[in-house]
Amino acid sequence: MRPALPSWAGTLAVKAALFITVMCCALAALLGILVHVSVTNQTVGQARDLALSRLKDATAAFEAGDSLGRGARLDPPELPPSLRTLAVSGERGTMVADRRGRPTMWAAGPADGERALAVAVDYSQSAHTIEALDTAILWSSALAIGATLLVGAVAVTRVTRRLHTTAQVARRITAGDLDARVDDRRAKEPGRPQDEVGAVAVALDSMASSLQGKLLSEQRFTADVAHELRTPLTGLHAAAELLPPGRPTELVRDRVTALRTLTEDLLEISRLDTGRERLELDAEDLGALVARVVRAAQASDFSGTPTASGTTAAGGTSTTGGGTSATGGGTSATGGEVTVVVVRNAHVETDRRRLERVLGNLLANAHRHGRPPVTLTVDGPVVTVRDHGDGFPEYLVTHGPQRFRTDGGSKGHGLGLTIAAGQAEVLGARLAFTNAPDGGALATLTLPQSPPVPARLPDGAA
């Protein structure tokens, strides 16, 4: 198993620095080798020519019976054996070897067939010159690599900083901030060539503007349609109340009620889309609030229709006569198909109407799309709603609720979960959708420890 690399190891700056370092080292090594080989060949060649010249003079003096001259000797003991063998065989040759701890250029040739005539030329100065050259190459290469890295880091950092800015703006847009823009100054300067980073920034800004325009148009259309439908639906509802009792009248009233509920949901969606919802905070007992939501949902037959806060429709279930209640930590009570379990009660400061709306929609969704029993669990500031049906669709678990999204057929989740997620966001709460390991949908609402700061509306806004 490969060890996990730190997050910074995959950044563009690190990769660019590694690339520049490798290329600089390779280039410095190549140039250093070329210079070293060239200078060494030249230095060795000069020393060899001098040694062979002295060997020639010494050979002439030996044949004439004169003095051999400086540095020339017959069979010196320091002569390398391989060079002695070559000279005895009748050939001339040169070799660099140590003589008394000093580098020496040897040149040897035949003397009288059995002995070798050798000349030693001090090579220490040339060796020191090559060593100094190698040291200078190393230091200059290190300096060049450091300077190149510094300049490259500055250049790459400027590019990566612009890329980071673009990525941050993209993340803000993904989070819902459609006013976020990169506004790259380099891309706006007239006559300046536009690089790839600027092109990406311009494309992102253009995409955000187009997306914002389309979403605002959709929001206005939704609000306008809901407002236009509201008036005729009110008249239609009043007319339905005047119809004589009977099964057809019940069907008409049921459909009119469904249309009114959908219209109210559309209006609520449009208000949430504006991002200008104001909170009305109050201290609430979470266990009692959950029990109240269950009673209201049972009274409305789990229709999910908003009810007045703290009221129960006629025919509702009481807390002592078969209804649902929750009292104290670790207790539970069952009312028909819904069970409320209070593991740990909590007092929260929140907007009661919005919290009831969230829990009511989750409960209505569990009743419509799941199977009993449905369990609401209060564990401190965390409320879970769990049914025993087929669970949430994969797209909903992965991407969250989507308006009127259907799951492979006519079965869909309408606007209820979308409204619940929007109201939870206004409350500053976190609403997560998962599926229980043993089956069933599980919605988890985590309320904030401290209430969110109410959003300020512009002057004159309602």
Foldseek 3Di string as FASTA:
>chain_A
DDDDDDPVCPDPLNVLLVVLLVVLVVVLVVVLVVVLVVLVVVLVVVQVVVFVVLLVQQLVCLVVVHDSDPQKDKADVPPDPVQFVQQLVFDWDWDWDDDPNFTWIKIWHHRPNHIIIIGIDGCRVVVVVSVVSSVVSVVVSVVVSVVSSVVSSVVVVVLVVLVVLLVVLVVVVVVPPLVRASPDVQLVDPPRDDDPSSVSRVVVNVVSVVVVVVVVVVLVVLQVVLVVVQVVLVVQLVVLVPDDDDDVSVVSNVVSVVVNQLSVLSNLVSVLSVVQDFWDKDKDWVQQLLQQLQQQCVQVVLPLRQDDPPDHDPPTDDVPRLGWHEDDAQDWDDRPQEIEHENDIEIAIGRSSLVSSLSSLLSSQCVPQAAGNWYWYHDYQKIKIKGAGQEDDPCCQVPNADAQDADPDNHHSHCSRVSSCSSLVQFVWDWHWDADPVGTIMIMIGGDPHTDDTDDDPPPDD
